[in-house]
Amino acid sequence: MVASMTVKISGGKTGRPAKVPGEKPTRDKIFDAAVDLFAERGYDRTSVRDIASAVGITESAVYRHYPSKESILEAIFTYVETRVYTPLPPARNPDGHTERTIFREMLEGLPRYIMADPCLVKIIHILFIEMHHNEKIRDYLQKEYGEKADEYTEVLFRKAIEDGNIRPCDPRALAKVFNAFRFAWLYQTFILDFDKPRETGRMEKDLQAPIGLFEQLLEP
């Protein structure tokens, strides 16, 4: 058996770094570095060379895992999609009671769910900042946080109406209003208040009034 060798290149970097047990795969390192740089500098102002430098590999090594910078952006979209429509864990009262309104289930655990994933926090920042001048990102947000989100939430509200958990109303209209609030909350929290400390407890407390309003307006 011939041991794998790492060939040195100019600048002291290696084309294929030796693997360390327990270390992240190079593809994941590239993804993480790209997210960090996109969040710090912006998508357009970050080059593949910048990403390679942050990881400590060559540009050609990046291209072995991602054929283009745009393919890294596609990977970011995929990352978000695996989390946006994942049901949040049931919120619980101090006594362990789990019966909550659908509005409380969908909003109350949102800050904790997002803050538990630092990468997702950075990606939210990237998407909201870049959507103003990047058509691909704008189209993605319009589809995922607009059309798809409204369809997904409409189904949940229609079922809640059928089950008698919220009063009869137009579930599509309710989905649009509810999702508009969630989008505004995300934008306020992760863009307008970007430099403010993000305390999960405070964020959850701030959501109590809007949750209560949805509950009061739509009591069966």
C-alpha atoms as a PDB file:
ATOM      1  CA  MET A   1       0.000   0.000   0.000  1.00  0.00           C
ATOM      2  CA  VAL A   2       1.296   3.426  -0.903  1.00  0.00           C
ATOM      3  CA  ALA A   3       0.632   6.115   1.701  1.00  0.00           C
ATOM      4  CA  SER A   4      -1.156   9.196   0.413  1.00  0.00           C
ATOM      5  CA  MET A   5       1.125  12.196   0.054  1.00  0.00           C
ATOM      6  CA  THR A   6       0.437  15.904   0.273  1.00  0.00           C
ATOM      7  CA  VAL A   7       2.193  17.908  -2.416  1.00  0.00           C
ATOM      8  CA  LYS A   8       3.455  21.349  -1.456  1.00  0.00           C
ATOM      9  CA  ILE A   9       2.690  24.245  -3.747  1.00  0.00           C
ATOM     10  CA  SER A  10       3.872  27.829  -3.912  1.00  0.00           C
ATOM     11  CA  GLY A  11       2.930  29.950  -0.931  1.00  0.00           C
ATOM     12  CA  GLY A  12       3.294  27.076   1.493  1.00  0.00           C
ATOM     13  CA  LYS A  13      -0.280  25.825   1.038  1.00  0.00           C
ATOM     14  CA  THR A  14      -1.229  22.301   0.145  1.00  0.00           C
ATOM     15  CA  GLY A  15      -3.468  21.106  -2.625  1.00  0.00           C
ATOM     16  CA  ARG A  16      -4.956  18.328  -0.526  1.00  0.00           C
ATOM     17  CA  PRO A  17      -4.505  18.726   3.257  1.00  0.00           C
ATOM     18  CA  ALA A  18      -4.009  15.587   5.303  1.00  0.00           C
ATOM     19  CA  LYS A  19      -7.155  14.441   7.072  1.00  0.00           C
ATOM     20  CA  VAL A  20      -7.259  14.678  10.836  1.00  0.00           C
ATOM     21  CA  PRO A  21      -9.530  12.264  12.745  1.00  0.00           C
ATOM     22  CA  GLY A  22     -12.700  14.042  13.823  1.00  0.00           C
ATOM     23  CA  GLU A  23     -11.992  17.044  11.611  1.00  0.00           C
ATOM     24  CA  LYS A  24     -14.676  18.486   9.358  1.00  0.00           C
ATOM     25  CA  PRO A  25     -14.559  17.419   5.705  1.00  0.00           C
ATOM     26  CA  THR A  26     -13.008  19.998   3.385  1.00  0.00           C
ATOM     27  CA  ARG A  27     -16.359  20.581   1.682  1.00  0.00           C
ATOM     28  CA  ASP A  28     -17.884  21.586   5.032  1.00  0.00           C
ATOM     29  CA  LYS A  29     -14.925  23.850   5.814  1.00  0.00           C
ATOM     30  CA  ILE A  30     -15.395  25.603   2.489  1.00  0.00           C
ATOM     31  CA  PHE A  31     -19.107  26.040   3.192  1.00  0.00           C
ATOM     32  CA  ASP A  32     -18.470  27.462   6.672  1.00  0.00           C
ATOM     33  CA  ALA A  33     -15.771  29.842   5.417  1.00  0.00           C
ATOM     34  CA  ALA A  34     -18.013  31.046   2.597  1.00  0.00           C
ATOM     35  CA  VAL A  35     -20.892  31.726   4.996  1.00  0.00           C
ATOM     36  CA  ASP A  36     -18.571  33.682   7.304  1.00  0.00           C
ATOM     37  CA  LEU A  37     -17.177  35.758   4.442  1.00  0.00           C
ATOM     38  CA  PHE A  38     -20.537  36.365   2.748  1.00  0.00           C
ATOM     39  CA  ALA A  39     -21.934  37.575   6.080  1.00  0.00           C
ATOM     40  CA  GLU A  40     -18.928  39.820   6.736  1.00  0.00           C
ATOM     41  CA  ARG A  41     -18.130  41.188   3.259  1.00  0.00           C
ATOM     42  CA  GLY A  42     -21.137  40.370   1.123  1.00  0.00           C
ATOM     43  CA  TYR A  43     -21.562  37.776  -1.609  1.00  0.00           C
ATOM     44  CA  ASP A  44     -20.325  39.927  -4.501  1.00  0.00           C
ATOM     45  CA  ARG A  45     -17.258  41.158  -2.616  1.00  0.00           C
ATOM     46  CA  THR A  46     -16.117  37.653  -1.726  1.00  0.00           C
ATOM     47  CA  SER A  47     -14.090  35.689  -4.261  1.00  0.00           C
ATOM     48  CA  VAL A  48     -13.322  31.988  -4.475  1.00  0.00           C
ATOM     49  CA  ARG A  49      -9.712  32.951  -3.753  1.00  0.00           C
ATOM     50  CA  ASP A  50     -10.849  34.603  -0.502  1.00  0.00           C
ATOM     51  CA  ILE A  51     -12.693  31.446   0.490  1.00  0.00           C
ATOM     52  CA  ALA A  52      -9.724  29.245  -0.363  1.00  0.00           C
ATOM     53  CA  SER A  53      -7.425  31.464   1.668  1.00  0.00           C
ATOM     54  CA  ALA A  54      -9.743  31.303   4.674  1.00  0.00           C
ATOM     55  CA  VAL A  55      -9.724  27.504   4.559  1.00  0.00           C
ATOM     56  CA  GLY A  56      -5.995  27.278   3.807  1.00  0.00           C
ATOM     57  CA  ILE A  57      -6.318  25.496   0.462  1.00  0.00           C
ATOM     58  CA  THR A  58      -5.934  26.387  -3.184  1.00  0.00           C
ATOM     59  CA  GLU A  59      -8.660  27.717  -5.465  1.00  0.00           C
ATOM     60  CA  SER A  60      -8.485  24.507  -7.486  1.00  0.00           C
ATOM     61  CA  ALA A  61      -9.186  22.563  -4.289  1.00  0.00           C
ATOM     62  CA  VAL A  62     -12.333  24.636  -3.758  1.00  0.00           C
ATOM     63  CA  TYR A  63     -13.464  23.883  -7.313  1.00  0.00           C
ATOM     64  CA  ARG A  64     -13.101  20.153  -6.668  1.00  0.00           C
ATOM     65  CA  HIS A  65     -15.918  20.480  -4.150  1.00  0.00           C
ATOM     66  CA  TYR A  66     -17.914  23.377  -5.608  1.00  0.00           C
ATOM     67  CA  PRO A  67     -17.725  24.081  -9.358  1.00  0.00           C
ATOM     68  CA  SER A  68     -18.470  27.777  -8.825  1.00  0.00           C
ATOM     69  CA  LYS A  69     -19.220  30.389  -6.189  1.00  0.00           C
ATOM     70  CA  GLU A  70     -22.843  30.202  -7.268  1.00  0.00           C
ATOM     71  CA  SER A  71     -22.897  26.494  -6.384  1.00  0.00           C
ATOM     72  CA  ILE A  72     -21.917  27.439  -2.821  1.00  0.00           C
ATOM     73  CA  LEU A  73     -24.914  29.784  -2.787  1.00  0.00           C
ATOM     74  CA  GLU A  74     -27.089  26.887  -3.953  1.00  0.00           C
ATOM     75  CA  ALA A  75     -25.725  24.826  -1.052  1.00  0.00           C
ATOM     76  CA  ILE A  76     -26.724  27.649   1.303  1.00  0.00           C
ATOM     77  CA  PHE A  77     -30.254  27.552  -0.112  1.00  0.00           C
ATOM     78  CA  THR A  78     -30.370  23.796   0.481  1.00  0.00           C
ATOM     79  CA  TYR A  79     -29.137  24.269   4.041  1.00  0.00           C
ATOM     80  CA  VAL A  80     -31.962  26.708   4.752  1.00  0.00           C
ATOM     81  CA  GLU A  81     -34.615  24.502   3.131  1.00  0.00           C
ATOM     82  CA  THR A  82     -33.752  21.587   5.439  1.00  0.00           C
ATOM     83  CA  ARG A  83     -34.522  23.827   8.423  1.00  0.00           C
ATOM     84  CA  VAL A  84     -37.303  26.222   7.431  1.00  0.00           C
ATOM     85  CA  TYR A  85     -39.981  23.552   7.078  1.00  0.00           C
ATOM     86  CA  THR A  86     -38.775  21.370   9.930  1.00  0.00           C
ATOM     87  CA  PRO A  87     -41.436  21.396  12.662  1.00  0.00           C
ATOM     88  CA  LEU A  88     -40.343  23.266  15.762  1.00  0.00           C
ATOM     89  CA  PRO A  89     -40.168  21.238  18.980  1.00  0.00           C
ATOM     90  CA  PRO A  90     -43.367  21.595  21.028  1.00  0.00           C
ATOM     91  CA  ALA A  91     -43.276  24.533  23.443  1.00  0.00           C
ATOM     92  CA  ARG A  92     -44.077  23.636  27.033  1.00  0.00           C
ATOM     93  CA  ASN A  93     -45.541  25.435  30.018  1.00  0.00           C
ATOM     94  CA  PRO A  94     -43.583  25.311  33.289  1.00  0.00           C
ATOM     95  CA  ASP A  95     -45.863  22.437  34.413  1.00  0.00           C
ATOM     96  CA  GLY A  96     -45.003  20.458  31.263  1.00  0.00           C
ATOM     97  CA  HIS A  97     -48.385  21.042  29.610  1.00  0.00           C
ATOM     98  CA  THR A  98     -48.066  20.961  25.804  1.00  0.00           C
ATOM     99  CA  GLU A  99     -51.488  22.161  24.611  1.00  0.00           C
ATOM    100  CA  ARG A 100     -50.789  25.444  22.827  1.00  0.00           C
ATOM    101  CA  THR A 101     -52.446  27.376  20.064  1.00  0.00           C
ATOM    102  CA  ILE A 102     -50.958  26.923  16.635  1.00  0.00           C
ATOM    103  CA  PHE A 103     -49.701  30.528  16.752  1.00  0.00           C
ATOM    104  CA  ARG A 104     -47.799  29.881  19.961  1.00  0.00           C
ATOM    105  CA  GLU A 105     -46.378  26.610  18.612  1.00  0.00           C
ATOM    106  CA  MET A 106     -45.123  28.344  15.462  1.00  0.00           C
ATOM    107  CA  LEU A 107     -43.710  31.482  17.068  1.00  0.00           C
ATOM    108  CA  GLU A 108     -42.744  30.906  20.677  1.00  0.00           C
ATOM    109  CA  GLY A 109     -39.875  28.504  20.015  1.00  0.00           C
ATOM    110  CA  LEU A 110     -38.580  30.394  16.964  1.00  0.00           C
ATOM    111  CA  PRO A 111     -35.838  32.439  18.702  1.00  0.00           C
ATOM    112  CA  ARG A 112     -34.390  29.403  20.493  1.00  0.00           C
ATOM    113  CA  TYR A 113     -34.580  27.298  17.324  1.00  0.00           C
ATOM    114  CA  ILE A 114     -32.698  29.868  15.245  1.00  0.00           C
ATOM    115  CA  MET A 115     -30.159  30.855  17.884  1.00  0.00           C
ATOM    116  CA  ALA A 116     -29.211  27.205  18.390  1.00  0.00           C
ATOM    117  CA  ASP A 117     -27.749  27.255  14.864  1.00  0.00           C
ATOM    118  CA  PRO A 118     -25.119  30.046  14.481  1.00  0.00           C
ATOM    119  CA  CYS A 119     -24.715  29.196  10.804  1.00  0.00           C
ATOM    120  CA  LEU A 120     -28.423  29.791  10.202  1.00  0.00           C
ATOM    121  CA  VAL A 121     -28.180  33.172  11.942  1.00  0.00           C
ATOM    122  CA  LYS A 122     -25.409  34.224   9.533  1.00  0.00           C
ATOM    123  CA  ILE A 123     -27.326  32.916   6.529  1.00  0.00           C
ATOM    124  CA  ILE A 124     -30.442  34.896   7.472  1.00  0.00           C
ATOM    125  CA  HIS A 125     -28.248  37.997   7.573  1.00  0.00           C
ATOM    126  CA  ILE A 126     -26.744  37.151   4.181  1.00  0.00           C
ATOM    127  CA  LEU A 127     -30.087  36.562   2.478  1.00  0.00           C
ATOM    128  CA  PHE A 128     -31.754  39.699   3.813  1.00  0.00           C
ATOM    129  CA  ILE A 129     -28.812  41.946   2.962  1.00  0.00           C
ATOM    130  CA  GLU A 130     -28.078  40.476  -0.463  1.00  0.00           C
ATOM    131  CA  MET A 131     -31.701  40.295  -1.635  1.00  0.00           C
ATOM    132  CA  HIS A 132     -31.615  44.017  -2.423  1.00  0.00           C
ATOM    133  CA  HIS A 133     -29.123  43.622  -5.275  1.00  0.00           C
ATOM    134  CA  ASN A 134     -28.847  39.886  -5.994  1.00  0.00           C
ATOM    135  CA  GLU A 135     -31.684  38.694  -8.222  1.00  0.00           C
ATOM    136  CA  LYS A 136     -31.059  35.007  -7.536  1.00  0.00           C
ATOM    137  CA  ILE A 137     -31.334  35.508  -3.779  1.00  0.00           C
ATOM    138  CA  ARG A 138     -34.371  37.767  -4.175  1.00  0.00           C
ATOM    139  CA  ASP A 139     -36.123  35.153  -6.327  1.00  0.00           C
ATOM    140  CA  TYR A 140     -35.254  32.450  -3.813  1.00  0.00           C
ATOM    141  CA  LEU A 141     -36.703  34.414  -0.897  1.00  0.00           C
ATOM    142  CA  GLN A 142     -39.820  35.260  -2.875  1.00  0.00           C
ATOM    143  CA  LYS A 143     -40.369  31.581  -3.609  1.00  0.00           C
ATOM    144  CA  GLU A 144     -39.419  30.052  -0.255  1.00  0.00           C
ATOM    145  CA  TYR A 145     -40.595  32.757   2.147  1.00  0.00           C
ATOM    146  CA  GLY A 146     -43.440  33.913  -0.062  1.00  0.00           C
ATOM    147  CA  GLU A 147     -45.253  31.374  -2.213  1.00  0.00           C
ATOM    148  CA  LYS A 148     -44.056  28.157  -0.561  1.00  0.00           C
ATOM    149  CA  ALA A 149     -44.361  29.484   2.986  1.00  0.00           C
ATOM    150  CA  ASP A 150     -47.906  30.726   2.346  1.00  0.00           C
ATOM    151  CA  GLU A 151     -48.953  27.377   0.881  1.00  0.00           C
ATOM    152  CA  TYR A 152     -47.393  25.448   3.773  1.00  0.00           C
ATOM    153  CA  THR A 153     -48.913  27.681   6.450  1.00  0.00           C
ATOM    154  CA  GLU A 154     -52.319  27.768   4.744  1.00  0.00           C
ATOM    155  CA  VAL A 155     -52.533  23.979   5.045  1.00  0.00           C
ATOM    156  CA  LEU A 156     -51.743  24.162   8.780  1.00  0.00           C
ATOM    157  CA  PHE A 157     -54.336  26.875   9.391  1.00  0.00           C
ATOM    158  CA  ARG A 158     -56.995  25.101   7.325  1.00  0.00           C
ATOM    159  CA  LYS A 159     -56.511  21.982   9.459  1.00  0.00           C
ATOM    160  CA  ALA A 160     -56.706  24.069  12.662  1.00  0.00           C
ATOM    161  CA  ILE A 161     -59.998  25.572  11.452  1.00  0.00           C
ATOM    162  CA  GLU A 162     -61.405  22.129  10.619  1.00  0.00           C
ATOM    163  CA  ASP A 163     -60.379  20.883  14.071  1.00  0.00           C
ATOM    164  CA  GLY A 164     -62.080  23.858  15.732  1.00  0.00           C
ATOM    165  CA  ASN A 165     -58.839  25.236  17.171  1.00  0.00           C
ATOM    166  CA  ILE A 166     -59.210  28.642  15.506  1.00  0.00           C
ATOM    167  CA  ARG A 167     -62.377  30.335  14.300  1.00  0.00           C
ATOM    168  CA  PRO A 168     -63.457  30.050  10.640  1.00  0.00           C
ATOM    169  CA  CYS A 169     -61.674  32.521   8.353  1.00  0.00           C
ATOM    170  CA  ASP A 170     -59.802  32.635   5.059  1.00  0.00           C
ATOM    171  CA  PRO A 171     -56.757  30.411   5.784  1.00  0.00           C
ATOM    172  CA  ARG A 172     -54.818  31.808   2.829  1.00  0.00           C
ATOM    173  CA  ALA A 173     -55.280  35.399   3.968  1.00  0.00           C
ATOM    174  CA  LEU A 174     -54.348  34.414   7.516  1.00  0.00           C
ATOM    175  CA  ALA A 175     -51.220  32.634   6.239  1.00  0.00           C
ATOM    176  CA  LYS A 176     -50.126  35.756   4.370  1.00  0.00           C
ATOM    177  CA  VAL A 177     -50.618  38.012   7.408  1.00  0.00           C
ATOM    178  CA  PHE A 178     -48.914  35.549   9.756  1.00  0.00           C
ATOM    179  CA  ASN A 179     -45.927  35.018   7.444  1.00  0.00           C
ATOM    180  CA  ALA A 180     -45.597  38.749   6.847  1.00  0.00           C
ATOM    181  CA  PHE A 181     -45.226  39.163  10.600  1.00  0.00           C
ATOM    182  CA  ARG A 182     -42.630  36.387  10.828  1.00  0.00           C
ATOM    183  CA  PHE A 183     -40.638  37.888   7.959  1.00  0.00           C
ATOM    184  CA  ALA A 184     -40.783  41.343   9.575  1.00  0.00           C
ATOM    185  CA  TRP A 185     -39.663  39.863  12.895  1.00  0.00           C
ATOM    186  CA  LEU A 186     -36.686  38.147  11.273  1.00  0.00           C
ATOM    187  CA  TYR A 187     -35.717  41.340   9.442  1.00  0.00           C
ATOM    188  CA  GLN A 188     -36.008  43.471  12.574  1.00  0.00           C
ATOM    189  CA  THR A 189     -34.095  40.991  14.730  1.00  0.00           C
ATOM    190  CA  PHE A 190     -31.281  39.991  12.386  1.00  0.00           C
ATOM    191  CA  ILE A 191     -30.856  43.097  10.233  1.00  0.00           C
ATOM    192  CA  LEU A 192     -32.157  46.270  11.872  1.00  0.00           C
ATOM    193  CA  ASP A 193     -31.047  45.112  15.341  1.00  0.00           C
ATOM    194  CA  PHE A 194     -27.934  43.317  14.046  1.00  0.00           C
ATOM    195  CA  ASP A 195     -25.543  45.096  16.439  1.00  0.00           C
ATOM    196  CA  LYS A 196     -27.713  44.569  19.506  1.00  0.00           C
ATOM    197  CA  PRO A 197     -27.127  41.625  21.857  1.00  0.00           C
ATOM    198  CA  ARG A 198     -29.343  38.700  20.902  1.00  0.00           C
ATOM    199  CA  GLU A 199     -30.749  37.274  24.104  1.00  0.00           C
ATOM    200  CA  THR A 200     -33.054  34.357  23.512  1.00  0.00           C
ATOM    201  CA  GLY A 201     -35.114  35.080  26.625  1.00  0.00           C
ATOM    202  CA  ARG A 202     -35.718  38.691  25.609  1.00  0.00           C
ATOM    203  CA  MET A 203     -36.601  37.660  22.059  1.00  0.00           C
ATOM    204  CA  GLU A 204     -39.115  35.133  23.342  1.00  0.00           C
ATOM    205  CA  LYS A 205     -40.606  37.723  25.694  1.00  0.00           C
ATOM    206  CA  ASP A 206     -40.982  40.232  22.851  1.00  0.00           C
ATOM    207  CA  LEU A 207     -43.007  37.680  20.901  1.00  0.00           C
ATOM    208  CA  GLN A 208     -45.585  37.195  23.654  1.00  0.00           C
ATOM    209  CA  ALA A 209     -47.701  40.241  22.713  1.00  0.00           C
ATOM    210  CA  PRO A 210     -48.000  39.368  18.990  1.00  0.00           C
ATOM    211  CA  ILE A 211     -48.768  35.754  19.885  1.00  0.00           C
ATOM    212  CA  GLY A 212     -51.471  36.934  22.288  1.00  0.00           C
ATOM    213  CA  LEU A 213     -52.963  39.176  19.608  1.00  0.00           C
ATOM    214  CA  PHE A 214     -53.234  36.313  17.105  1.00  0.00           C
ATOM    215  CA  GLU A 215     -54.820  34.161  19.806  1.00  0.00           C
ATOM    216  CA  GLN A 216     -57.348  36.790  20.882  1.00  0.00           C
ATOM    217  CA  LEU A 217     -58.393  37.657  17.318  1.00  0.00           C
ATOM    218  CA  LEU A 218     -58.854  34.029  16.319  1.00  0.00           C
ATOM    219  CA  GLU A 219     -60.302  32.354  19.383  1.00  0.00           C
ATOM    220  CA  PRO A 220     -62.842  29.672  18.356  1.00  0.00           C
END
